[in-house]
């Protein structure tokens, strides 16, 4: 799996829908910036390490849809 800018994410537990907005280099690894949105609420950004995000997708905690 190769997460890229523009890919869609869905977190079933909270109902958040996210889009990968940036992938940044960091001394400890790649950082992925995600813009999350929930209907009726303001959007918010979070940053996650690339490796932890991939683990969450593989465990099924976050649903991943590549950009087409």
N, C-alpha and C. Protein backbone atom coordinates (compact mmCIF):
# COMPACT_ATOMS: atom_id res chain seq x y z
N UNK A 1 0.85 -1.16 0.00
CA UNK A 1 0.00 0.00 0.00
C UNK A 1 0.90 1.24 0.00
N UNK A 2 0.51 2.21 -0.81
CA UNK A 2 1.28 3.44 -0.93
C UNK A 2 0.31 4.62 -0.78
N UNK A 3 0.32 5.25 0.39
CA UNK A 3 -0.58 6.38 0.65
C UNK A 3 -0.03 7.62 -0.04
N UNK A 4 -0.90 8.33 -0.76
CA UNK A 4 -0.49 9.52 -1.51
C UNK A 4 -1.45 10.67 -1.25
N UNK A 5 -1.01 11.87 -1.60
CA UNK A 5 -1.85 13.06 -1.46
C UNK A 5 -3.11 12.89 -2.29
N UNK A 6 -4.25 13.20 -1.70
CA UNK A 6 -5.54 13.09 -2.39
C UNK A 6 -6.30 11.82 -2.07
N UNK A 7 -5.66 10.85 -1.41
CA UNK A 7 -6.33 9.61 -1.04
C UNK A 7 -7.38 9.89 0.04
N UNK A 8 -8.45 9.12 0.03
CA UNK A 8 -9.55 9.31 0.99
C UNK A 8 -9.44 8.30 2.13
N UNK A 9 -9.81 8.74 3.33
CA UNK A 9 -9.80 7.90 4.52
C UNK A 9 -11.15 8.03 5.22
N UNK A 10 -11.57 6.97 5.89
CA UNK A 10 -12.81 6.99 6.66
C UNK A 10 -12.55 6.31 7.99
N UNK A 11 -12.90 6.98 9.08
CA UNK A 11 -12.75 6.41 10.42
C UNK A 11 -14.13 6.02 10.93
N UNK A 12 -14.47 4.72 10.90
CA UNK A 12 -15.82 4.27 11.26
C UNK A 12 -16.24 4.62 12.69
N UNK A 13 -15.30 4.59 13.63
CA UNK A 13 -15.63 4.83 15.03
C UNK A 13 -16.21 6.23 15.25
N UNK A 14 -15.61 7.24 14.61
CA UNK A 14 -16.06 8.62 14.81
C UNK A 14 -16.91 9.15 13.66
N UNK A 15 -16.88 8.46 12.51
CA UNK A 15 -17.60 8.92 11.34
C UNK A 15 -16.88 10.00 10.56
N UNK A 16 -15.61 10.25 10.89
CA UNK A 16 -14.82 11.25 10.18
C UNK A 16 -14.46 10.78 8.78
N UNK A 17 -14.54 11.69 7.83
CA UNK A 17 -14.09 11.45 6.46
C UNK A 17 -12.89 12.35 6.25
N UNK A 18 -11.78 11.76 5.78
CA UNK A 18 -10.56 12.53 5.65
C UNK A 18 -9.95 12.42 4.27
N UNK A 19 -9.09 13.39 3.97
CA UNK A 19 -8.33 13.39 2.73
C UNK A 19 -6.89 13.73 3.06
N UNK A 20 -5.95 12.98 2.50
CA UNK A 20 -4.53 13.25 2.72
C UNK A 20 -4.20 14.55 1.99
N UNK A 21 -3.78 15.56 2.74
CA UNK A 21 -3.50 16.87 2.14
C UNK A 21 -2.01 17.10 1.91
N UNK A 22 -1.16 16.49 2.73
CA UNK A 22 0.29 16.65 2.56
C UNK A 22 1.01 15.45 3.13
N UNK A 23 2.19 15.17 2.56
CA UNK A 23 3.10 14.19 3.14
C UNK A 23 4.43 14.91 3.29
N UNK A 24 4.89 15.02 4.54
CA UNK A 24 6.07 15.81 4.85
C UNK A 24 7.20 14.91 5.34
N UNK A 25 8.43 15.28 5.02
CA UNK A 25 9.59 14.59 5.57
C UNK A 25 9.86 15.12 6.97
N UNK A 26 10.21 14.22 7.88
CA UNK A 26 10.48 14.56 9.26
C UNK A 26 11.68 13.71 9.69
N UNK A 27 12.50 14.19 10.61
CA UNK A 27 13.66 13.40 11.04
C UNK A 27 13.30 12.01 11.58
N UNK A 28 12.10 11.85 12.14
CA UNK A 28 11.68 10.56 12.68
C UNK A 28 10.89 9.72 11.68
N UNK A 29 10.70 10.20 10.46
CA UNK A 29 9.94 9.49 9.43
C UNK A 29 9.00 10.45 8.72
N UNK A 30 8.20 9.91 7.82
CA UNK A 30 7.25 10.75 7.08
C UNK A 30 6.05 11.10 7.96
N UNK A 31 5.59 12.34 7.82
CA UNK A 31 4.37 12.79 8.49
C UNK A 31 3.28 12.97 7.44
N UNK A 32 2.09 12.49 7.75
CA UNK A 32 0.96 12.62 6.84
C UNK A 32 -0.03 13.59 7.48
N UNK A 33 -0.38 14.64 6.76
CA UNK A 33 -1.37 15.61 7.24
C UNK A 33 -2.70 15.27 6.59
N UNK A 34 -3.72 15.10 7.44
CA UNK A 34 -5.04 14.70 6.97
C UNK A 34 -6.04 15.78 7.36
N UNK A 35 -6.89 16.17 6.42
CA UNK A 35 -7.99 17.10 6.70
C UNK A 35 -9.25 16.25 6.89
N UNK A 36 -9.77 16.26 8.12
CA UNK A 36 -10.96 15.49 8.48
C UNK A 36 -12.18 16.39 8.45
N UNK A 37 -13.32 15.82 8.08
CA UNK A 37 -14.58 16.57 8.13
C UNK A 37 -15.70 15.65 8.57
N UNK A 38 -16.61 16.22 9.33
CA UNK A 38 -17.82 15.54 9.78
C UNK A 38 -18.97 16.46 9.43
N UNK A 39 -20.04 15.90 8.94
CA UNK A 39 -21.18 16.73 8.57
C UNK A 39 -21.64 17.58 9.75
N UNK A 40 -21.85 18.87 9.48
CA UNK A 40 -22.33 19.77 10.50
C UNK A 40 -21.25 20.35 11.41
N UNK A 41 -19.98 20.01 11.16
CA UNK A 41 -18.88 20.50 11.99
C UNK A 41 -17.79 21.10 11.10
N UNK A 42 -16.93 21.91 11.70
CA UNK A 42 -15.80 22.46 10.97
C UNK A 42 -14.76 21.38 10.69
N UNK A 43 -14.05 21.54 9.58
CA UNK A 43 -12.96 20.62 9.25
C UNK A 43 -11.80 20.84 10.21
N UNK A 44 -11.01 19.79 10.43
CA UNK A 44 -9.82 19.93 11.26
C UNK A 44 -8.70 19.07 10.67
N UNK A 45 -7.47 19.51 10.91
CA UNK A 45 -6.29 18.80 10.40
C UNK A 45 -5.62 18.03 11.53
N UNK A 46 -5.09 16.86 11.19
CA UNK A 46 -4.27 16.10 12.13
C UNK A 46 -3.04 15.61 11.39
N UNK A 47 -1.99 15.32 12.15
CA UNK A 47 -0.77 14.78 11.58
C UNK A 47 -0.51 13.42 12.20
N UNK A 48 -0.12 12.47 11.35
CA UNK A 48 0.16 11.10 11.79
C UNK A 48 1.45 10.65 11.13
N UNK A 49 2.21 9.81 11.81
CA UNK A 49 3.36 9.21 11.16
C UNK A 49 2.86 8.22 10.12
N UNK A 50 3.51 8.20 8.98
CA UNK A 50 3.13 7.35 7.85
C UNK A 50 3.00 5.89 8.30
N UNK A 51 4.00 5.41 9.02
CA UNK A 51 4.02 3.99 9.42
C UNK A 51 2.83 3.65 10.33
N UNK A 52 2.47 4.55 11.26
CA UNK A 52 1.32 4.28 12.14
C UNK A 52 0.01 4.33 11.37
N UNK A 53 -0.08 5.22 10.39
CA UNK A 53 -1.28 5.29 9.57
C UNK A 53 -1.47 4.00 8.76
N UNK A 54 -0.39 3.49 8.19
CA UNK A 54 -0.46 2.24 7.43
C UNK A 54 -0.90 1.10 8.35
N UNK A 55 -0.36 1.05 9.58
CA UNK A 55 -0.76 0.00 10.53
C UNK A 55 -2.25 0.10 10.86
N UNK A 56 -2.75 1.32 11.05
CA UNK A 56 -4.18 1.51 11.35
C UNK A 56 -5.06 1.04 10.21
N UNK A 57 -4.62 1.29 8.98
CA UNK A 57 -5.37 0.83 7.80
C UNK A 57 -5.36 -0.69 7.73
N UNK A 58 -4.20 -1.30 7.97
CA UNK A 58 -4.10 -2.77 7.91
C UNK A 58 -4.93 -3.44 9.00
N UNK A 59 -5.03 -2.81 10.17
CA UNK A 59 -5.83 -3.37 11.27
C UNK A 59 -7.32 -3.15 11.07
N UNK A 60 -7.70 -2.28 10.11
CA UNK A 60 -9.11 -2.02 9.85
C UNK A 60 -9.69 -0.88 10.66
N UNK A 61 -8.85 -0.16 11.40
CA UNK A 61 -9.33 0.97 12.20
C UNK A 61 -9.68 2.16 11.33
N UNK A 62 -9.03 2.26 10.18
CA UNK A 62 -9.29 3.33 9.20
C UNK A 62 -9.47 2.68 7.84
N UNK A 63 -10.51 3.08 7.12
CA UNK A 63 -10.76 2.57 5.77
C UNK A 63 -10.05 3.48 4.77
N UNK A 64 -9.39 2.87 3.80
CA UNK A 64 -8.55 3.60 2.85
C UNK A 64 -9.09 3.43 1.43
N UNK A 65 -9.19 4.54 0.69
CA UNK A 65 -9.59 4.51 -0.70
C UNK A 65 -8.57 5.34 -1.50
N UNK A 66 -7.82 4.70 -2.41
CA UNK A 66 -6.84 5.47 -3.18
C UNK A 66 -7.52 6.45 -4.14
N UNK A 67 -6.79 7.51 -4.45
CA UNK A 67 -7.28 8.51 -5.40
C UNK A 67 -7.32 7.87 -6.78
N UNK A 68 -8.38 8.10 -7.52
CA UNK A 68 -8.51 7.50 -8.85
C UNK A 68 -8.11 8.45 -9.94
